[in-house]
Amino acid sequence: MRHTVSVADMKLTTSGEDLLITHSLGSCLGVIIYDAVASVGALLHVMLPLSTINPEKAVDNPYMFVDTGVPRLLNECYKMGAKKGNLVVKVAGGAKIGAAAQSGDFFAIGSRNVTVFRKILWKNGLMCKAADVGGTRPRTLSLDMNTGEVLIRSDGQVTAL
């Protein structure tokens, strides 16, 4: 079954029949967690680096912010049986899109998202196996639970991550 992950959302599955997909990753990050042994997979589409700009919103939806969404994503995967030593972590997005790409990206949301993401992984003793971040192009990211394959679609091309 195909599950589309919206902006500021996360989907988790243990079904080998599922495909998790998110579209239009610009400055947002798409984070994939996969444990082949436990058959646990998850995809997070997170928007902003730090929840300190709106703590109330972070309580309502932790998946909006990297600093609250990524820890919640990890905890939910662990609850479903994923083990830290088996996790494969991959990320895409963090780009400068549209006016940000033209103006020098004053707020640097994409690069700040990537920085906060990497810091959280480091604090949790995890490594990112693969990343397609930065640049100026939007991406679509998917995880096929049957094979564990992670694909990125961008500019009419499909590549494995």
Protein backbone atom coordinates (compact mmCIF):
# COMPACT_ATOMS: atom_id res chain seq x y z
CA MET A 1 0.00 0.00 0.00
CA ARG A 2 1.24 3.51 -0.81
CA HIS A 3 1.39 5.97 2.10
CA THR A 4 1.99 9.63 1.30
CA VAL A 5 3.69 11.65 4.01
CA SER A 6 2.58 15.27 4.08
CA VAL A 7 4.57 18.27 5.27
CA ALA A 8 5.11 18.13 9.06
CA ASP A 9 4.03 14.49 9.16
CA MET A 10 5.48 11.03 9.75
CA LYS A 11 4.39 7.56 8.72
CA LEU A 12 5.69 4.32 10.20
CA THR A 13 5.09 0.79 8.94
CA THR A 14 6.01 -2.81 9.60
CA SER A 15 4.42 -4.13 6.41
CA GLY A 16 6.68 -5.32 3.62
CA GLU A 17 3.94 -4.39 1.17
CA ASP A 18 4.11 -0.67 1.91
CA LEU A 19 5.70 2.21 0.04
CA LEU A 20 6.31 5.42 1.98
CA ILE A 21 6.66 8.55 -0.15
CA THR A 22 6.90 12.31 0.33
CA HIS A 23 6.85 15.00 -2.34
CA SER A 24 8.24 18.50 -2.84
CA LEU A 25 11.17 18.48 -0.43
CA GLY A 26 12.63 21.94 -0.80
CA SER A 27 14.19 23.37 2.36
CA CYS A 28 12.31 20.67 4.29
CA LEU A 29 14.00 17.38 5.11
CA GLY A 30 12.76 13.90 4.34
CA VAL A 31 14.23 11.48 6.88
CA ILE A 32 14.06 7.73 6.37
CA ILE A 33 14.67 5.19 9.11
CA TYR A 34 14.79 1.52 8.15
CA ASP A 35 15.49 -1.64 10.16
CA ALA A 36 15.45 -4.66 7.84
CA VAL A 37 15.71 -7.15 10.71
CA ALA A 38 12.64 -5.85 12.55
CA SER A 39 10.91 -4.84 9.29
CA VAL A 40 10.34 -1.31 10.57
CA GLY A 41 10.40 1.66 8.25
CA ALA A 42 9.47 5.30 8.72
CA LEU A 43 9.51 8.53 6.77
CA LEU A 44 9.41 12.01 8.31
CA HIS A 45 8.82 15.24 6.35
CA VAL A 46 10.05 17.99 8.67
CA MET A 47 9.89 21.74 7.95
CA LEU A 48 11.91 23.87 10.35
CA PRO A 49 15.07 23.40 12.42
CA LEU A 50 14.15 24.51 15.94
CA SER A 51 10.93 24.36 17.92
CA THR A 52 11.98 27.32 20.05
CA ILE A 53 10.30 29.64 17.54
CA ASN A 54 6.90 28.18 18.49
CA PRO A 55 6.92 25.74 21.44
CA GLU A 56 3.12 25.44 21.46
CA LYS A 57 3.07 24.33 17.85
CA ALA A 58 5.83 21.79 18.63
CA VAL A 59 3.63 20.28 21.33
CA ASP A 60 0.70 20.06 18.89
CA ASN A 61 2.85 18.69 16.06
CA PRO A 62 6.41 17.65 16.90
CA TYR A 63 6.92 16.56 13.27
CA MET A 64 7.05 20.20 12.18
CA PHE A 65 10.52 20.75 13.69
CA VAL A 66 13.77 18.83 13.31
CA ASP A 67 14.67 19.09 17.01
CA THR A 68 11.37 17.52 18.12
CA GLY A 69 10.45 15.43 15.07
CA VAL A 70 13.63 13.39 14.67
CA PRO A 71 13.75 12.24 18.32
CA ARG A 72 10.04 11.34 18.14
CA LEU A 73 10.67 9.45 14.89
CA LEU A 74 13.46 7.42 16.52
CA ASN A 75 11.37 6.67 19.62
CA GLU A 76 8.41 5.51 17.53
CA CYS A 77 10.68 3.18 15.53
CA TYR A 78 12.15 1.74 18.74
CA LYS A 79 8.62 1.15 20.10
CA MET A 80 7.86 -0.92 16.99
CA GLY A 81 10.90 -3.14 17.58
CA ALA A 82 13.67 -1.37 15.65
CA LYS A 83 17.13 -1.67 17.18
CA LYS A 84 19.68 1.13 17.14
CA GLY A 85 22.41 -1.14 15.75
CA ASN A 86 20.23 -2.15 12.77
CA LEU A 87 19.04 1.31 11.76
CA VAL A 88 19.75 2.70 8.33
CA VAL A 89 19.22 6.47 8.29
CA LYS A 90 18.97 8.43 5.06
CA VAL A 91 18.02 12.05 4.39
CA ALA A 92 17.13 14.30 1.46
CA GLY A 93 16.13 17.94 1.03
CA GLY A 94 17.56 21.01 2.72
CA ALA A 95 17.68 22.93 -0.56
CA LYS A 96 17.39 26.62 -1.44
CA ILE A 97 14.25 26.90 -3.54
CA GLY A 98 12.69 29.80 -5.43
CA ALA A 99 13.36 33.25 -3.99
CA ALA A 100 15.75 31.81 -1.40
CA ALA A 101 17.98 30.51 -4.16
CA GLN A 102 17.96 33.92 -5.86
CA SER A 103 18.41 36.10 -2.79
CA GLY A 104 21.20 34.30 -0.97
CA ASP A 105 18.78 32.55 1.42
CA PHE A 106 18.93 34.95 4.38
CA PHE A 107 17.22 32.51 6.77
CA ALA A 108 19.15 29.45 5.49
CA ILE A 109 16.32 27.12 6.54
CA GLY A 110 17.55 24.20 4.45
CA SER A 111 21.12 24.24 5.67
CA ARG A 112 20.00 24.84 9.27
CA ASN A 113 17.66 21.84 9.00
CA VAL A 114 20.60 19.69 7.91
CA THR A 115 22.84 20.98 10.69
CA VAL A 116 20.28 20.31 13.44
CA PHE A 117 19.53 16.87 11.96
CA ARG A 118 23.21 15.85 11.96
CA LYS A 119 23.65 17.13 15.51
CA ILE A 120 20.72 15.02 16.73
CA LEU A 121 22.12 11.92 15.04
CA TRP A 122 25.52 12.56 16.61
CA LYS A 123 23.98 12.99 20.07
CA ASN A 124 22.15 9.68 19.61
CA GLY A 125 25.21 7.80 18.39
CA LEU A 126 23.81 7.31 14.89
CA MET A 127 25.29 7.83 11.46
CA CYS A 128 23.53 8.89 8.29
CA LYS A 129 24.22 6.23 5.68
CA ALA A 130 23.30 8.43 2.71
CA ALA A 131 22.26 12.01 2.07
CA ASP A 132 21.11 14.08 -0.89
CA VAL A 133 20.90 17.56 0.61
CA GLY A 134 21.44 21.15 -0.42
CA GLY A 135 21.40 22.52 -3.92
CA THR A 136 18.46 24.27 -5.52
CA ARG A 137 16.19 21.46 -6.68
CA PRO A 138 13.10 19.95 -5.06
CA ARG A 139 13.03 16.20 -4.44
CA THR A 140 10.56 13.36 -3.97
CA LEU A 141 11.74 10.66 -1.56
CA SER A 142 10.42 7.12 -1.16
CA LEU A 143 11.09 3.93 0.80
CA ASP A 144 10.03 0.53 -0.56
CA MET A 145 9.55 -1.69 2.48
CA ASN A 146 9.72 -4.84 0.36
CA THR A 147 13.31 -4.17 -0.71
CA GLY A 148 14.52 -1.40 1.60
CA GLU A 149 15.29 0.64 -1.51
CA VAL A 150 15.26 4.42 -1.09
CA LEU A 151 14.71 6.46 -4.26
CA ILE A 152 14.96 10.16 -5.03
CA ARG A 153 13.12 11.71 -7.93
CA SER A 154 14.25 15.11 -9.07
CA ASP A 155 14.45 16.96 -12.38
CA GLY A 156 12.87 13.99 -14.18
CA GLN A 157 15.50 11.54 -12.95
CA VAL A 158 15.31 8.72 -10.42
CA THR A 159 18.35 7.72 -8.39
CA ALA A 160 18.93 5.33 -5.49
CA LEU A 161 20.03 6.83 -2.22
